[in-house]
Amino acid sequence: MRSIRIPHPHVGLALRDKHFVTALLAEFLGVLLFQLLAGSIGHGPVETATCFAAIMYFVGPLSGGHLNPLVSLAGAATGHIDLVRGLCYAVVQILGAIMGAVLQVTQKLGAKGRVGVSVWLITDFSFGSPSDSCLAPPKHVSGPQLWGWEFLLSFLFLAVMYSCVFVAPGQGSAAPLAAGLALLAALSTGGFYTGGSPLNPARLFANMAVFRCDVAWGWTYLAAHLAAVGAAVAWVWPVHGLGMFMGGPRPDAFTGTSNTLGGSSLTDPFLAGTTGSSSGGGGGGPGGPTSGTAGGRIGAGMEPATAGGYV
């Protein structure tokens, strides 16, 4: 009987990537800004979408501009980024959102019978109290309806993000605009039923941790998010195929100049300096190498191409 092969986690690849720490810092800062800016004005579709697009333009060349644990986990689940990168991105995104929420609050301090106020950025936000960043569906929306809308909108957003940042040839420099439009379309339609959810579990965890809100509905949102990741993987697998980190072929095309696989330009940091031709020779164009191997390896520090990304 043929043994079951499991995806290789590619721990060594992430550890040898000299851009990895920079990418983590970019994702942390990006989600921090997203929480801080979009989470301070309620849940306006235009404001949330434009914030996301602008920040994605900012961090995209450094990390790929995921800015959402759903994007990172889905990309890792289909092998379009390595597993370690996907998990680490998700962790720093959640931490960034929590820090952004902390920067929003006004902390009341008591000392010797006197009450002082330490103002950070928003005077009417405080620890443990609901804020404009909190989420809740309208009263007429039931739990199953909330789950259904959140699932549908999250799947739409993930489908667009795949075409923007994972699947070659990608959308190039227009990727943040496409992502922003997808978020705008989702929030300006189904957002009425989801309470303006930004489709981002990092911000949901931040609200739970800092403002003690979203607890009643939070698990419904999260269940819909996880289901949307599963649906996105089920869609991408047969339609676009698995990524190179789960045995799929290397992308046939690269665009832009970013240095991070899964970025808006789909460039792999481990392919830098390789020829990328099918014969192991020849030069890749400005957009990066094309399909094939380079001397039996697909980049500095990577497993041989024949390994197929499995162990």
Protein backbone atom coordinates (compact mmCIF):
# COMPACT_ATOMS: atom_id res chain seq x y z
CA MET A 1 0.00 0.00 0.00
CA ARG A 2 1.30 3.42 -0.92
CA SER A 3 2.13 5.53 2.11
CA ILE A 4 0.41 8.86 2.64
CA ARG A 5 2.70 11.80 1.97
CA ILE A 6 2.35 14.89 4.10
CA PRO A 7 3.42 18.40 3.12
CA HIS A 8 6.90 19.40 4.20
CA PRO A 9 6.75 22.36 6.62
CA HIS A 10 9.85 23.94 5.03
CA VAL A 11 11.12 25.22 8.36
CA GLY A 12 14.61 25.67 6.97
CA LEU A 13 13.39 27.86 4.15
CA ALA A 14 11.82 30.41 6.45
CA LEU A 15 14.80 30.41 8.78
CA ARG A 16 17.22 30.99 5.91
CA ASP A 17 15.14 33.77 4.39
CA LYS A 18 16.93 37.01 5.20
CA HIS A 19 13.71 38.92 4.50
CA PHE A 20 11.59 36.86 6.90
CA VAL A 21 11.92 39.08 9.96
CA THR A 22 11.25 42.16 7.85
CA ALA A 23 8.15 40.50 6.45
CA LEU A 24 6.88 39.66 9.94
CA LEU A 25 7.43 43.23 11.11
CA ALA A 26 5.63 44.53 8.03
CA GLU A 27 2.59 42.33 8.69
CA PHE A 28 2.58 43.33 12.36
CA LEU A 29 2.73 47.03 11.54
CA GLY A 30 0.25 46.74 8.70
CA VAL A 31 -2.49 45.09 10.78
CA LEU A 32 -1.73 47.47 13.65
CA LEU A 33 -2.44 50.39 11.33
CA PHE A 34 -5.52 48.68 9.92
CA GLN A 35 -6.97 48.24 13.40
CA LEU A 36 -5.94 51.71 14.47
CA LEU A 37 -7.32 53.55 11.43
CA ALA A 38 -10.30 51.52 10.25
CA GLY A 39 -11.26 50.49 13.78
CA SER A 40 -11.53 54.07 14.97
CA ILE A 41 -14.36 55.21 12.71
CA GLY A 42 -16.98 52.50 13.05
CA HIS A 43 -17.53 50.17 10.13
CA GLY A 44 -17.86 52.34 7.04
CA PRO A 45 -17.29 50.23 3.90
CA VAL A 46 -15.37 52.92 2.03
CA GLU A 47 -13.14 53.79 4.96
CA THR A 48 -12.33 50.15 5.75
CA ALA A 49 -11.63 49.20 2.13
CA THR A 50 -9.46 52.21 1.37
CA CYS A 51 -7.46 51.70 4.57
CA PHE A 52 -6.82 48.09 3.62
CA ALA A 53 -5.78 48.96 0.07
CA ALA A 54 -3.46 51.77 1.15
CA ILE A 55 -1.77 49.64 3.81
CA MET A 56 -1.44 46.75 1.36
CA TYR A 57 0.43 49.08 -1.00
CA PHE A 58 2.67 49.95 1.96
CA VAL A 59 3.59 46.45 3.15
CA GLY A 60 3.04 44.45 -0.06
CA PRO A 61 6.63 44.69 -1.33
CA LEU A 62 7.93 43.57 2.07
CA SER A 63 5.60 40.75 3.11
CA GLY A 64 3.09 40.20 0.33
CA GLY A 65 0.46 42.34 2.03
CA HIS A 66 -1.70 39.58 3.49
CA LEU A 67 -2.87 41.67 6.47
CA ASN A 68 -5.32 38.93 7.41
CA PRO A 69 -4.82 35.50 9.04
CA LEU A 70 -7.37 34.04 6.64
CA VAL A 71 -5.18 34.92 3.66
CA SER A 72 -2.00 33.57 5.24
CA LEU A 73 -3.58 30.33 6.46
CA ALA A 74 -5.33 29.70 3.15
CA GLY A 75 -2.10 30.32 1.23
CA ALA A 76 -0.25 27.88 3.47
CA ALA A 77 -3.05 25.30 3.17
CA THR A 78 -2.65 25.22 -0.62
CA GLY A 79 1.14 25.42 -0.61
CA HIS A 80 1.40 28.86 -2.17
CA ILE A 81 3.48 29.93 0.82
CA ASP A 82 5.38 27.69 3.21
CA LEU A 83 3.60 26.53 6.34
CA VAL A 84 5.95 28.27 8.77
CA ARG A 85 5.48 31.60 7.01
CA GLY A 86 1.70 31.23 7.04
CA LEU A 87 1.51 30.39 10.73
CA CYS A 88 3.98 33.10 11.76
CA TYR A 89 2.12 35.68 9.67
CA ALA A 90 -1.15 34.77 11.39
CA VAL A 91 0.39 35.14 14.85
CA VAL A 92 1.99 38.53 14.22
CA GLN A 93 -1.18 39.78 12.52
CA ILE A 94 -3.22 39.01 15.63
CA LEU A 95 -0.59 40.62 17.86
CA GLY A 96 -0.52 43.68 15.61
CA ALA A 97 -4.28 44.08 15.80
CA ILE A 98 -4.19 43.79 19.59
CA MET A 99 -1.48 46.45 19.81
CA GLY A 100 -3.48 48.69 17.50
CA ALA A 101 -6.50 48.32 19.77
CA VAL A 102 -4.37 49.14 22.82
CA LEU A 103 -3.20 52.34 21.15
CA GLN A 104 -6.83 53.38 20.67
CA VAL A 105 -7.80 53.41 24.32
CA THR A 106 -7.86 55.98 27.08
CA GLN A 107 -6.54 54.44 30.28
CA LYS A 108 -7.84 55.75 33.58
CA LEU A 109 -5.26 55.67 36.34
CA GLY A 110 -5.99 56.04 40.06
CA ALA A 111 -3.33 57.18 42.51
CA LYS A 112 -3.88 58.09 46.17
CA GLY A 113 -7.55 58.83 45.74
CA ARG A 114 -7.02 60.89 42.62
CA VAL A 115 -8.11 59.79 39.17
CA GLY A 116 -5.86 60.66 36.31
CA VAL A 117 -6.41 59.99 32.64
CA SER A 118 -3.67 58.74 30.34
CA VAL A 119 -4.85 59.72 26.88
CA TRP A 120 -3.49 57.66 24.04
CA LEU A 121 -5.34 58.37 20.80
CA ILE A 122 -9.13 58.11 21.29
CA THR A 123 -10.61 59.63 24.40
CA ASP A 124 -13.82 57.57 24.52
CA PHE A 125 -12.20 54.15 24.05
CA SER A 126 -11.23 52.32 27.25
CA PHE A 127 -10.07 48.86 28.28
CA GLY A 128 -12.90 46.42 28.80
CA SER A 129 -15.59 48.73 27.42
CA PRO A 130 -17.30 48.45 24.02
CA SER A 131 -15.98 50.79 21.35
CA ASP A 132 -16.71 51.75 17.75
CA SER A 133 -14.40 48.92 16.73
CA CYS A 134 -16.72 46.26 18.15
CA LEU A 135 -18.87 44.10 15.88
CA ALA A 136 -22.44 42.90 16.19
CA PRO A 137 -25.09 42.04 13.62
CA PRO A 138 -28.43 43.90 13.49
CA LYS A 139 -31.04 42.60 15.89
CA HIS A 140 -33.13 41.03 13.14
CA VAL A 141 -30.21 38.86 11.92
CA SER A 142 -30.06 35.34 13.36
CA GLY A 143 -26.94 33.33 14.10
CA PRO A 144 -27.22 31.13 10.97
CA GLN A 145 -27.82 34.18 8.80
CA LEU A 146 -24.74 35.88 10.26
CA TRP A 147 -22.68 32.76 9.64
CA GLY A 148 -23.94 32.49 6.08
CA TRP A 149 -23.17 36.09 5.17
CA GLU A 150 -19.79 36.11 6.88
CA PHE A 151 -18.86 32.86 5.15
CA LEU A 152 -19.94 34.10 1.72
CA LEU A 153 -18.17 37.45 2.01
CA SER A 154 -14.99 35.92 3.42
CA PHE A 155 -14.90 33.40 0.56
CA LEU A 156 -15.31 36.22 -1.98
CA PHE A 157 -12.48 38.17 -0.38
CA LEU A 158 -10.19 35.12 -0.27
CA ALA A 159 -10.92 34.25 -3.89
CA VAL A 160 -9.87 37.73 -4.97
CA MET A 161 -6.80 37.67 -2.72
CA TYR A 162 -5.68 34.39 -4.31
CA SER A 163 -5.77 35.97 -7.74
CA CYS A 164 -3.97 39.03 -6.37
CA VAL A 165 -1.12 37.59 -4.34
CA PHE A 166 -0.80 33.83 -4.88
CA VAL A 167 -1.79 32.63 -8.34
CA ALA A 168 0.48 33.63 -11.22
CA PRO A 169 0.63 35.99 -12.97
CA GLY A 170 -1.22 37.92 -10.25
CA GLN A 171 -2.45 41.49 -10.47
CA GLY A 172 0.93 43.18 -10.15
CA SER A 173 0.81 46.71 -8.75
CA ALA A 174 -2.99 46.70 -9.02
CA ALA A 175 -3.31 43.92 -6.41
CA PRO A 176 -4.06 46.26 -3.47
CA LEU A 177 -6.69 48.05 -5.55
CA ALA A 178 -8.36 44.75 -6.44
CA ALA A 179 -8.27 43.65 -2.79
CA GLY A 180 -9.73 46.96 -1.67
CA LEU A 181 -12.52 46.71 -4.22
CA ALA A 182 -13.33 43.17 -3.06
CA LEU A 183 -13.54 44.37 0.53
CA LEU A 184 -15.65 47.36 -0.51
CA ALA A 185 -18.04 45.13 -2.45
CA ALA A 186 -18.38 42.77 0.51
CA LEU A 187 -18.91 45.45 3.14
CA SER A 188 -21.26 47.63 1.11
CA THR A 189 -23.63 44.69 0.46
CA GLY A 190 -23.50 41.88 3.00
CA GLY A 191 -21.92 44.15 5.59
CA PHE A 192 -25.43 45.27 6.48
CA TYR A 193 -26.09 41.77 7.83
CA THR A 194 -22.69 41.20 9.46
CA GLY A 195 -22.46 44.49 11.30
CA GLY A 196 -19.71 45.74 9.00
CA SER A 197 -17.32 42.89 9.77
CA PRO A 198 -13.91 43.54 8.16
CA LEU A 199 -13.65 39.77 7.47
CA ASN A 200 -10.50 39.67 9.57
CA PRO A 201 -10.14 37.42 12.64
CA ALA A 202 -7.13 39.42 13.84
CA ARG A 203 -9.33 42.43 14.47
CA LEU A 204 -11.95 40.19 16.05
CA PHE A 205 -9.42 38.83 18.55
CA ALA A 206 -8.23 42.38 19.26
CA ASN A 207 -11.76 43.48 20.11
CA MET A 208 -12.23 40.48 22.39
CA ALA A 209 -8.93 40.99 24.18
CA VAL A 210 -8.92 44.76 24.60
CA PHE A 211 -12.54 45.91 24.56
CA ARG A 212 -14.15 42.68 25.85
CA CYS A 213 -16.69 42.85 23.05
CA ASP A 214 -17.67 40.52 20.18
CA VAL A 215 -17.67 37.62 22.65
CA ALA A 216 -21.33 36.75 22.12
CA TRP A 217 -21.06 36.68 18.34
CA GLY A 218 -17.32 36.19 18.02
CA TRP A 219 -17.36 32.43 17.66
CA THR A 220 -19.96 32.66 14.89
CA TYR A 221 -17.69 35.03 12.99
CA LEU A 222 -14.68 32.76 13.54
CA ALA A 223 -16.58 29.62 12.51
CA ALA A 224 -17.56 31.34 9.27
CA HIS A 225 -13.95 32.41 8.70
CA LEU A 226 -12.63 28.88 9.10
CA ALA A 227 -15.31 27.51 6.78
CA ALA A 228 -14.39 30.17 4.20
CA VAL A 229 -10.74 29.09 4.33
CA GLY A 230 -11.84 25.50 3.70
CA ALA A 231 -14.07 26.57 0.81
CA ALA A 232 -11.29 28.67 -0.72
CA VAL A 233 -8.88 25.74 -0.55
CA ALA A 234 -11.52 23.46 -2.11
CA TRP A 235 -11.94 25.98 -4.93
CA VAL A 236 -8.27 26.72 -5.56
CA TRP A 237 -7.03 23.12 -5.44
CA PRO A 238 -8.85 21.85 -8.57
CA VAL A 239 -9.01 25.18 -10.40
CA HIS A 240 -5.54 26.63 -9.93
CA GLY A 241 -3.72 23.65 -8.45
CA LEU A 242 -1.54 23.34 -5.37
CA GLY A 243 1.36 25.68 -4.84
CA MET A 244 5.02 24.75 -5.08
CA PHE A 245 5.28 24.17 -1.33
CA MET A 246 2.82 21.28 -1.54
CA GLY A 247 4.26 19.58 -4.58
CA GLY A 248 2.74 21.81 -7.24
CA PRO A 249 4.75 23.33 -10.06
CA ARG A 250 6.59 26.57 -9.76
CA PRO A 251 4.56 29.50 -11.10
CA ASP A 252 4.84 29.94 -14.84
CA ALA A 253 5.12 33.70 -14.53
CA PHE A 254 6.27 36.31 -12.08
CA THR A 255 5.45 39.98 -12.12
CA GLY A 256 6.71 43.11 -10.40
CA THR A 257 9.78 43.46 -8.24
CA SER A 258 8.73 42.33 -4.77
CA ASN A 259 11.04 39.91 -2.97
CA THR A 260 8.53 37.73 -1.15
CA LEU A 261 6.65 34.72 -2.43
CA GLY A 262 2.96 35.39 -2.03
CA GLY A 263 3.52 39.09 -2.49
CA SER A 264 1.61 41.20 -4.94
CA SER A 265 4.31 40.26 -7.45
CA LEU A 266 4.58 36.56 -6.58
CA THR A 267 8.37 36.66 -6.42
CA ASP A 268 10.15 34.03 -4.35
CA PRO A 269 13.14 35.22 -2.28
CA PHE A 270 14.80 31.84 -2.75
CA LEU A 271 14.75 32.18 -6.54
CA ALA A 272 16.92 35.28 -6.54
CA GLY A 273 19.99 34.74 -8.62
CA THR A 274 18.84 31.46 -10.19
CA THR A 275 18.43 31.01 -13.90
CA GLY A 276 14.99 29.39 -13.79
CA SER A 277 15.14 27.89 -17.29
CA SER A 278 13.97 24.37 -18.06
CA SER A 279 17.51 23.36 -19.03
CA GLY A 280 19.11 24.85 -15.96
CA GLY A 281 20.68 27.65 -17.96
CA GLY A 282 19.68 30.99 -19.41
CA GLY A 283 18.59 34.11 -17.60
CA GLY A 284 15.29 35.11 -16.11
CA GLY A 285 13.82 38.41 -17.16
CA PRO A 286 13.20 41.41 -14.95
CA GLY A 287 10.02 39.83 -13.71
CA GLY A 288 11.92 36.84 -12.33
CA PRO A 289 12.57 33.27 -13.44
CA THR A 290 10.05 31.08 -15.17
CA SER A 291 9.30 27.40 -14.85
CA GLY A 292 11.90 24.69 -14.61
CA THR A 293 14.86 24.05 -12.35
CA ALA A 294 18.22 25.65 -11.86
CA GLY A 295 20.86 22.99 -11.66
CA GLY A 296 18.42 20.58 -10.01
CA ARG A 297 17.41 23.09 -7.33
CA ILE A 298 14.73 25.75 -7.29
CA GLY A 299 16.62 28.32 -5.30
CA ALA A 300 19.15 28.90 -2.59
CA GLY A 301 18.34 26.67 0.36
CA MET A 302 15.38 24.94 -1.27
CA GLU A 303 14.76 21.23 -1.65
CA PRO A 304 15.49 19.67 -5.06
CA ALA A 305 12.67 20.16 -7.53
CA THR A 306 12.21 16.41 -7.75
CA ALA A 307 11.25 16.26 -4.07
CA GLY A 308 7.90 17.74 -4.96
CA GLY A 309 7.63 19.55 -1.65
CA TYR A 310 6.79 16.35 0.26
CA VAL A 311 8.49 14.14 2.79
